[in-house]
Amino acid sequence: MPARTGRPPKISRADIMSAAHRIIDAEGIQGLTMRRLAREVGTTAMALYHHVRDKDDLLQLLLDEYAAGIEMPELHDEDPVERVAAAATAMRQALIGCPWIVEVLRSDDLLSVRALWYPETIIDGLVRAGLTPEEAVDGYRIIWHYTAGEISARAAVARRREKDRPTYRSRIFTDLDPVKLPRLAALGERWEELTARDTYDKGVRALVHGLLRPPADRRR
């Protein structure tokens, strides 16, 4: 087939966003480059820069687009612990269906303004519960890392299962030495079942309660 000549086809920002979604769905966030995006759209990389400044600008647009479709929950419980836990759970629920966003947000440089409701609500709840603003920021960061790690881990397991690949844990837990590892050996056959349970709610509440314990109690 002869190479095309003349001007590249006219594209819109919507075309670019749709192509970016296709690449991410097929290849993950690592596969999204401006050069790869240009090939997907059928234009040149230079033509893309008329619509987006760079990859970070494109990712910001994708985040804003995703956040615009999220409905923020109404929190009626006045108990600070419950408000923090509910906001963290809502944050996890908003992200769990789109794990690539977690990879982007881990850089801490990109965040949709609309999504700032989550850190605002969590930090506010921690301050109301008695933490200083600085301690509350630390608390939010701890909750965020727990949430991001949990989402990423579940997404990785799901990808392995989609490819019908056995997990490492399913292989090594079938034949553990009951003398050296008695507890794990006893749980061996149930290990996958037990570790597949959704413990996020339990975990985030444990985190919040731990963050709110007086410093002297934390050292015990």
C-alpha atoms as a PDB file:
ATOM      1  CA  MET A   1       0.000   0.000   0.000  1.00  0.00           C
ATOM      2  CA  PRO A   2       1.524   3.367  -0.959  1.00  0.00           C
ATOM      3  CA  ALA A   3       2.241   5.803   1.840  1.00  0.00           C
ATOM      4  CA  ARG A   4      -0.288   8.566   2.307  1.00  0.00           C
ATOM      5  CA  THR A   5       0.744  11.992   1.192  1.00  0.00           C
ATOM      6  CA  GLY A   6      -0.555  15.453   1.893  1.00  0.00           C
ATOM      7  CA  ARG A   7      -1.926  16.807   5.124  1.00  0.00           C
ATOM      8  CA  PRO A   8      -2.798  14.420   7.953  1.00  0.00           C
ATOM      9  CA  PRO A   9      -6.512  14.035   8.637  1.00  0.00           C
ATOM     10  CA  LYS A  10      -8.200  16.669  10.776  1.00  0.00           C
ATOM     11  CA  ILE A  11      -8.616  15.509  14.348  1.00  0.00           C
ATOM     12  CA  SER A  12     -10.386  16.801  17.428  1.00  0.00           C
ATOM     13  CA  ARG A  13      -9.649  16.603  21.132  1.00  0.00           C
ATOM     14  CA  ALA A  14     -12.490  14.073  21.396  1.00  0.00           C
ATOM     15  CA  ASP A  15     -10.729  11.870  18.811  1.00  0.00           C
ATOM     16  CA  ILE A  16      -7.543  12.043  20.852  1.00  0.00           C
ATOM     17  CA  MET A  17      -9.307  11.188  24.105  1.00  0.00           C
ATOM     18  CA  SER A  18     -11.079   8.198  22.530  1.00  0.00           C
ATOM     19  CA  ALA A  19      -7.820   6.921  21.062  1.00  0.00           C
ATOM     20  CA  ALA A  20      -6.061   7.333  24.415  1.00  0.00           C
ATOM     21  CA  HIS A  21      -8.751   5.226  26.092  1.00  0.00           C
ATOM     22  CA  ARG A  22      -8.327   2.490  23.474  1.00  0.00           C
ATOM     23  CA  ILE A  23      -4.577   2.359  24.026  1.00  0.00           C
ATOM     24  CA  ILE A  24      -4.880   2.277  27.813  1.00  0.00           C
ATOM     25  CA  ASP A  25      -7.505  -0.475  27.654  1.00  0.00           C
ATOM     26  CA  ALA A  26      -5.329  -2.583  25.370  1.00  0.00           C
ATOM     27  CA  GLU A  27      -1.804  -1.808  26.574  1.00  0.00           C
ATOM     28  CA  GLY A  28      -2.056  -0.131  29.965  1.00  0.00           C
ATOM     29  CA  ILE A  29      -0.938   3.346  30.897  1.00  0.00           C
ATOM     30  CA  GLN A  30       2.691   2.505  30.004  1.00  0.00           C
ATOM     31  CA  GLY A  31       1.630   2.017  26.395  1.00  0.00           C
ATOM     32  CA  LEU A  32       0.307   5.544  26.096  1.00  0.00           C
ATOM     33  CA  THR A  33       2.896   7.754  24.432  1.00  0.00           C
ATOM     34  CA  MET A  34       2.364  10.698  22.137  1.00  0.00           C
ATOM     35  CA  ARG A  35       3.960   8.804  19.256  1.00  0.00           C
ATOM     36  CA  ARG A  36       1.781   5.744  19.866  1.00  0.00           C
ATOM     37  CA  LEU A  37      -1.270   7.978  20.184  1.00  0.00           C
ATOM     38  CA  ALA A  38      -0.482   9.664  16.877  1.00  0.00           C
ATOM     39  CA  ARG A  39      -0.381   6.276  15.146  1.00  0.00           C
ATOM     40  CA  GLU A  40      -3.712   5.310  16.705  1.00  0.00           C
ATOM     41  CA  VAL A  41      -5.364   8.533  15.514  1.00  0.00           C
ATOM     42  CA  GLY A  42      -3.687   8.348  12.119  1.00  0.00           C
ATOM     43  CA  THR A  43      -1.826  11.632  12.314  1.00  0.00           C
ATOM     44  CA  THR A  44       1.544  13.006  13.378  1.00  0.00           C
ATOM     45  CA  ALA A  45       2.766  13.630  16.903  1.00  0.00           C
ATOM     46  CA  MET A  46       3.157  17.307  16.058  1.00  0.00           C
ATOM     47  CA  ALA A  47      -0.512  17.528  15.122  1.00  0.00           C
ATOM     48  CA  LEU A  48      -1.458  16.314  18.605  1.00  0.00           C
ATOM     49  CA  TYR A  49       0.270  19.272  20.209  1.00  0.00           C
ATOM     50  CA  HIS A  50      -2.332  21.598  18.726  1.00  0.00           C
ATOM     51  CA  HIS A  51      -4.827  19.979  21.114  1.00  0.00           C
ATOM     52  CA  VAL A  52      -2.769  18.876  24.141  1.00  0.00           C
ATOM     53  CA  ARG A  53       0.504  20.290  25.458  1.00  0.00           C
ATOM     54  CA  ASP A  54       2.065  16.942  26.366  1.00  0.00           C
ATOM     55  CA  LYS A  55       1.278  13.563  27.908  1.00  0.00           C
ATOM     56  CA  ASP A  56       0.702  15.070  31.359  1.00  0.00           C
ATOM     57  CA  ASP A  57      -1.838  17.482  29.894  1.00  0.00           C
ATOM     58  CA  LEU A  58      -3.590  14.563  28.189  1.00  0.00           C
ATOM     59  CA  LEU A  59      -3.667  12.556  31.420  1.00  0.00           C
ATOM     60  CA  GLN A  60      -5.116  15.558  33.242  1.00  0.00           C
ATOM     61  CA  LEU A  61      -7.893  15.741  30.664  1.00  0.00           C
ATOM     62  CA  LEU A  62      -8.592  12.020  31.067  1.00  0.00           C
ATOM     63  CA  LEU A  63      -8.726  12.402  34.842  1.00  0.00           C
ATOM     64  CA  ASP A  64     -11.069  15.382  34.601  1.00  0.00           C
ATOM     65  CA  GLU A  65     -13.306  13.463  32.201  1.00  0.00           C
ATOM     66  CA  TYR A  66     -13.464  10.482  34.552  1.00  0.00           C
ATOM     67  CA  ALA A  67     -14.032  12.605  37.661  1.00  0.00           C
ATOM     68  CA  ALA A  68     -16.881  14.470  35.964  1.00  0.00           C
ATOM     69  CA  GLY A  69     -18.829  11.211  35.830  1.00  0.00           C
ATOM     70  CA  ILE A  70     -18.404  10.445  39.538  1.00  0.00           C
ATOM     71  CA  GLU A  71     -21.248  11.312  41.869  1.00  0.00           C
ATOM     72  CA  MET A  72     -19.925  12.320  45.268  1.00  0.00           C
ATOM     73  CA  PRO A  73     -21.820  10.671  48.130  1.00  0.00           C
ATOM     74  CA  GLU A  74     -23.700  12.593  50.801  1.00  0.00           C
ATOM     75  CA  LEU A  75     -22.284  11.832  54.228  1.00  0.00           C
ATOM     76  CA  HIS A  76     -24.933  12.071  56.917  1.00  0.00           C
ATOM     77  CA  ASP A  77     -23.066  10.480  59.804  1.00  0.00           C
ATOM     78  CA  GLU A  78     -21.481  13.146  62.020  1.00  0.00           C
ATOM     79  CA  ASP A  79     -19.087  10.720  63.719  1.00  0.00           C
ATOM     80  CA  PRO A  80     -15.606  11.705  62.392  1.00  0.00           C
ATOM     81  CA  VAL A  81     -14.377   8.111  62.190  1.00  0.00           C
ATOM     82  CA  GLU A  82     -17.396   7.048  60.174  1.00  0.00           C
ATOM     83  CA  ARG A  83     -17.094  10.079  57.873  1.00  0.00           C
ATOM     84  CA  VAL A  84     -13.433   9.347  57.179  1.00  0.00           C
ATOM     85  CA  ALA A  85     -14.124   5.655  56.577  1.00  0.00           C
ATOM     86  CA  ALA A  86     -17.085   6.443  54.321  1.00  0.00           C
ATOM     87  CA  ALA A  87     -15.074   8.978  52.283  1.00  0.00           C
ATOM     88  CA  ALA A  88     -12.180   6.504  51.907  1.00  0.00           C
ATOM     89  CA  THR A  89     -14.582   3.761  50.837  1.00  0.00           C
ATOM     90  CA  ALA A  90     -16.166   6.115  48.292  1.00  0.00           C
ATOM     91  CA  MET A  91     -12.701   6.990  46.949  1.00  0.00           C
ATOM     92  CA  ARG A  92     -11.875   3.314  46.555  1.00  0.00           C
ATOM     93  CA  GLN A  93     -15.213   2.625  44.873  1.00  0.00           C
ATOM     94  CA  ALA A  94     -14.658   5.459  42.410  1.00  0.00           C
ATOM     95  CA  LEU A  95     -11.252   4.101  41.404  1.00  0.00           C
ATOM     96  CA  ILE A  96     -11.654   0.345  41.589  1.00  0.00           C
ATOM     97  CA  GLY A  97     -13.248   0.113  38.151  1.00  0.00           C
ATOM     98  CA  CYS A  98     -10.401   2.065  36.534  1.00  0.00           C
ATOM     99  CA  PRO A  99      -7.081   0.845  38.013  1.00  0.00           C
ATOM    100  CA  TRP A 100      -4.938   2.764  35.505  1.00  0.00           C
ATOM    101  CA  ILE A 101      -5.973   5.973  37.242  1.00  0.00           C
ATOM    102  CA  VAL A 102      -4.323   4.733  40.439  1.00  0.00           C
ATOM    103  CA  GLU A 103      -1.028   4.405  38.567  1.00  0.00           C
ATOM    104  CA  VAL A 104      -1.356   8.006  37.371  1.00  0.00           C
ATOM    105  CA  LEU A 105      -2.365   9.402  40.754  1.00  0.00           C
ATOM    106  CA  ARG A 106       0.561   7.715  42.492  1.00  0.00           C
ATOM    107  CA  SER A 107       2.830  10.328  40.911  1.00  0.00           C
ATOM    108  CA  ASP A 108       1.063  12.919  43.116  1.00  0.00           C
ATOM    109  CA  ASP A 109       1.511  15.505  40.381  1.00  0.00           C
ATOM    110  CA  LEU A 110      -1.800  14.945  38.609  1.00  0.00           C
ATOM    111  CA  LEU A 111      -5.196  15.185  40.234  1.00  0.00           C
ATOM    112  CA  SER A 112      -8.606  16.311  39.080  1.00  0.00           C
ATOM    113  CA  VAL A 113      -9.921  19.307  41.010  1.00  0.00           C
ATOM    114  CA  ARG A 114     -13.282  17.570  41.304  1.00  0.00           C
ATOM    115  CA  ALA A 115     -11.625  14.597  42.999  1.00  0.00           C
ATOM    116  CA  LEU A 116     -10.229  16.845  45.752  1.00  0.00           C
ATOM    117  CA  TRP A 117     -13.475  16.164  47.619  1.00  0.00           C
ATOM    118  CA  TYR A 118     -11.893  12.935  48.889  1.00  0.00           C
ATOM    119  CA  PRO A 119      -8.756  14.363  50.578  1.00  0.00           C
ATOM    120  CA  GLU A 120     -10.768  17.386  51.785  1.00  0.00           C
ATOM    121  CA  THR A 121     -13.367  15.181  53.489  1.00  0.00           C
ATOM    122  CA  ILE A 122     -10.844  12.744  54.944  1.00  0.00           C
ATOM    123  CA  ILE A 123      -8.551  15.471  56.285  1.00  0.00           C
ATOM    124  CA  ASP A 124     -11.528  17.408  57.670  1.00  0.00           C
ATOM    125  CA  GLY A 125     -12.784  14.300  59.467  1.00  0.00           C
ATOM    126  CA  LEU A 126      -9.374  13.617  60.999  1.00  0.00           C
ATOM    127  CA  VAL A 127      -9.055  17.231  62.187  1.00  0.00           C
ATOM    128  CA  ARG A 128     -12.530  17.097  63.712  1.00  0.00           C
ATOM    129  CA  ALA A 129     -11.464  13.935  65.511  1.00  0.00           C
ATOM    130  CA  GLY A 130      -8.567  15.756  67.162  1.00  0.00           C
ATOM    131  CA  LEU A 131      -5.558  15.597  64.830  1.00  0.00           C
ATOM    132  CA  THR A 132      -3.617  18.675  63.818  1.00  0.00           C
ATOM    133  CA  PRO A 133      -3.876  19.620  60.123  1.00  0.00           C
ATOM    134  CA  GLU A 134      -0.347  18.280  59.605  1.00  0.00           C
ATOM    135  CA  GLU A 135      -1.201  14.973  61.275  1.00  0.00           C
ATOM    136  CA  ALA A 136      -4.414  14.806  59.244  1.00  0.00           C
ATOM    137  CA  VAL A 137      -2.440  15.139  55.999  1.00  0.00           C
ATOM    138  CA  ASP A 138      -0.212  12.279  57.157  1.00  0.00           C
ATOM    139  CA  GLY A 139      -3.349  10.296  57.933  1.00  0.00           C
ATOM    140  CA  TYR A 140      -4.798  10.935  54.486  1.00  0.00           C
ATOM    141  CA  ARG A 141      -1.538   9.861  52.839  1.00  0.00           C
ATOM    142  CA  ILE A 142      -1.534   6.604  54.847  1.00  0.00           C
ATOM    143  CA  ILE A 143      -5.151   5.908  53.878  1.00  0.00           C
ATOM    144  CA  TRP A 144      -4.418   6.766  50.236  1.00  0.00           C
ATOM    145  CA  HIS A 145      -1.421   4.411  50.031  1.00  0.00           C
ATOM    146  CA  TYR A 146      -3.458   1.621  51.587  1.00  0.00           C
ATOM    147  CA  THR A 147      -6.278   2.242  49.119  1.00  0.00           C
ATOM    148  CA  ALA A 148      -4.028   2.494  46.061  1.00  0.00           C
ATOM    149  CA  GLY A 149      -2.108  -0.641  47.015  1.00  0.00           C
ATOM    150  CA  GLU A 150      -5.296  -2.626  47.563  1.00  0.00           C
ATOM    151  CA  ILE A 151      -6.723  -1.595  44.181  1.00  0.00           C
ATOM    152  CA  SER A 152      -3.473  -2.326  42.342  1.00  0.00           C
ATOM    153  CA  ALA A 153      -3.094  -5.738  43.957  1.00  0.00           C
ATOM    154  CA  ARG A 154      -6.646  -6.773  43.096  1.00  0.00           C
ATOM    155  CA  ALA A 155      -6.216  -5.562  39.524  1.00  0.00           C
ATOM    156  CA  ALA A 156      -3.014  -7.592  39.131  1.00  0.00           C
ATOM    157  CA  VAL A 157      -4.705 -10.768  40.390  1.00  0.00           C
ATOM    158  CA  ALA A 158      -7.669 -10.170  38.078  1.00  0.00           C
ATOM    159  CA  ARG A 159      -5.332  -9.849  35.075  1.00  0.00           C
ATOM    160  CA  ARG A 160      -3.683 -13.178  35.905  1.00  0.00           C
ATOM    161  CA  ARG A 161      -7.064 -14.862  36.213  1.00  0.00           C
ATOM    162  CA  GLU A 162      -8.223 -13.424  32.892  1.00  0.00           C
ATOM    163  CA  LYS A 163      -5.198 -15.092  31.290  1.00  0.00           C
ATOM    164  CA  ASP A 164      -5.991 -18.306  33.193  1.00  0.00           C
ATOM    165  CA  ARG A 165      -2.591 -18.192  34.879  1.00  0.00           C
ATOM    166  CA  PRO A 166      -2.337 -19.752  38.367  1.00  0.00           C
ATOM    167  CA  THR A 167      -1.307 -17.371  41.098  1.00  0.00           C
ATOM    168  CA  TYR A 168       1.998 -17.906  42.874  1.00  0.00           C
ATOM    169  CA  ARG A 169       0.194 -18.350  46.186  1.00  0.00           C
ATOM    170  CA  SER A 170      -1.939 -21.189  44.801  1.00  0.00           C
ATOM    171  CA  ARG A 171       1.222 -23.081  43.836  1.00  0.00           C
ATOM    172  CA  ILE A 172       3.287 -22.721  47.000  1.00  0.00           C
ATOM    173  CA  PHE A 173       0.439 -23.151  49.474  1.00  0.00           C
ATOM    174  CA  THR A 174      -0.427 -26.637  48.245  1.00  0.00           C
ATOM    175  CA  ASP A 175       2.601 -28.324  49.817  1.00  0.00           C
ATOM    176  CA  LEU A 176       3.861 -26.399  52.838  1.00  0.00           C
ATOM    177  CA  ASP A 177       5.890 -28.049  55.586  1.00  0.00           C
ATOM    178  CA  PRO A 178       3.567 -28.281  58.640  1.00  0.00           C
ATOM    179  CA  VAL A 179       6.561 -28.451  60.982  1.00  0.00           C
ATOM    180  CA  LYS A 180       8.218 -25.246  59.798  1.00  0.00           C
ATOM    181  CA  LEU A 181       5.004 -23.374  58.920  1.00  0.00           C
ATOM    182  CA  PRO A 182       2.209 -24.955  60.944  1.00  0.00           C
ATOM    183  CA  ARG A 183      -0.296 -22.091  60.743  1.00  0.00           C
ATOM    184  CA  LEU A 184       0.054 -21.554  57.028  1.00  0.00           C
ATOM    185  CA  ALA A 185       0.092 -25.270  56.281  1.00  0.00           C
ATOM    186  CA  ALA A 186      -3.183 -25.681  58.158  1.00  0.00           C
ATOM    187  CA  LEU A 187      -4.718 -22.881  56.092  1.00  0.00           C
ATOM    188  CA  GLY A 188      -3.104 -23.993  52.845  1.00  0.00           C
ATOM    189  CA  GLU A 189      -6.135 -25.318  50.999  1.00  0.00           C
ATOM    190  CA  ARG A 190      -8.208 -22.310  52.032  1.00  0.00           C
ATOM    191  CA  TRP A 191      -5.528 -19.669  51.449  1.00  0.00           C
ATOM    192  CA  GLU A 192      -6.803 -18.402  48.102  1.00  0.00           C
ATOM    193  CA  GLU A 193     -10.377 -18.335  49.331  1.00  0.00           C
ATOM    194  CA  LEU A 194      -9.445 -16.426  52.495  1.00  0.00           C
ATOM    195  CA  THR A 195      -7.158 -13.908  50.791  1.00  0.00           C
ATOM    196  CA  ALA A 196      -9.744 -13.213  48.090  1.00  0.00           C
ATOM    197  CA  ARG A 197     -12.179 -11.777  50.646  1.00  0.00           C
ATOM    198  CA  ASP A 198     -12.841  -8.041  50.517  1.00  0.00           C
ATOM    199  CA  THR A 199     -11.370  -6.696  53.763  1.00  0.00           C
ATOM    200  CA  TYR A 200     -11.018  -3.062  52.700  1.00  0.00           C
ATOM    201  CA  ASP A 201     -13.731  -1.718  54.999  1.00  0.00           C
ATOM    202  CA  LYS A 202     -12.270  -3.565  57.979  1.00  0.00           C
ATOM    203  CA  GLY A 203      -8.780  -2.378  57.129  1.00  0.00           C
ATOM    204  CA  VAL A 204      -9.582   1.284  56.612  1.00  0.00           C
ATOM    205  CA  ARG A 205     -11.477   1.464  59.909  1.00  0.00           C
ATOM    206  CA  ALA A 206      -8.537  -0.131  61.691  1.00  0.00           C
ATOM    207  CA  LEU A 207      -6.273   2.487  60.112  1.00  0.00           C
ATOM    208  CA  VAL A 208      -8.499   5.370  61.175  1.00  0.00           C
ATOM    209  CA  HIS A 209      -8.800   4.113  64.745  1.00  0.00           C
ATOM    210  CA  GLY A 210      -5.039   3.638  64.891  1.00  0.00           C
ATOM    211  CA  LEU A 211      -4.394   7.154  63.583  1.00  0.00           C
ATOM    212  CA  LEU A 212      -6.675   8.639  66.220  1.00  0.00           C
ATOM    213  CA  ARG A 213      -5.161   6.823  69.204  1.00  0.00           C
ATOM    214  CA  PRO A 214      -3.121   9.090  71.506  1.00  0.00           C
ATOM    215  CA  PRO A 215       0.645   8.931  70.751  1.00  0.00           C
ATOM    216  CA  ALA A 216       1.348   7.237  74.101  1.00  0.00           C
ATOM    217  CA  ASP A 217      -1.104   4.453  73.251  1.00  0.00           C
ATOM    218  CA  ARG A 218       0.441   3.903  69.821  1.00  0.00           C
ATOM    219  CA  ARG A 219       3.795   3.035  71.442  1.00  0.00           C
ATOM    220  CA  ARG A 220       2.309   0.221  73.561  1.00  0.00           C
END
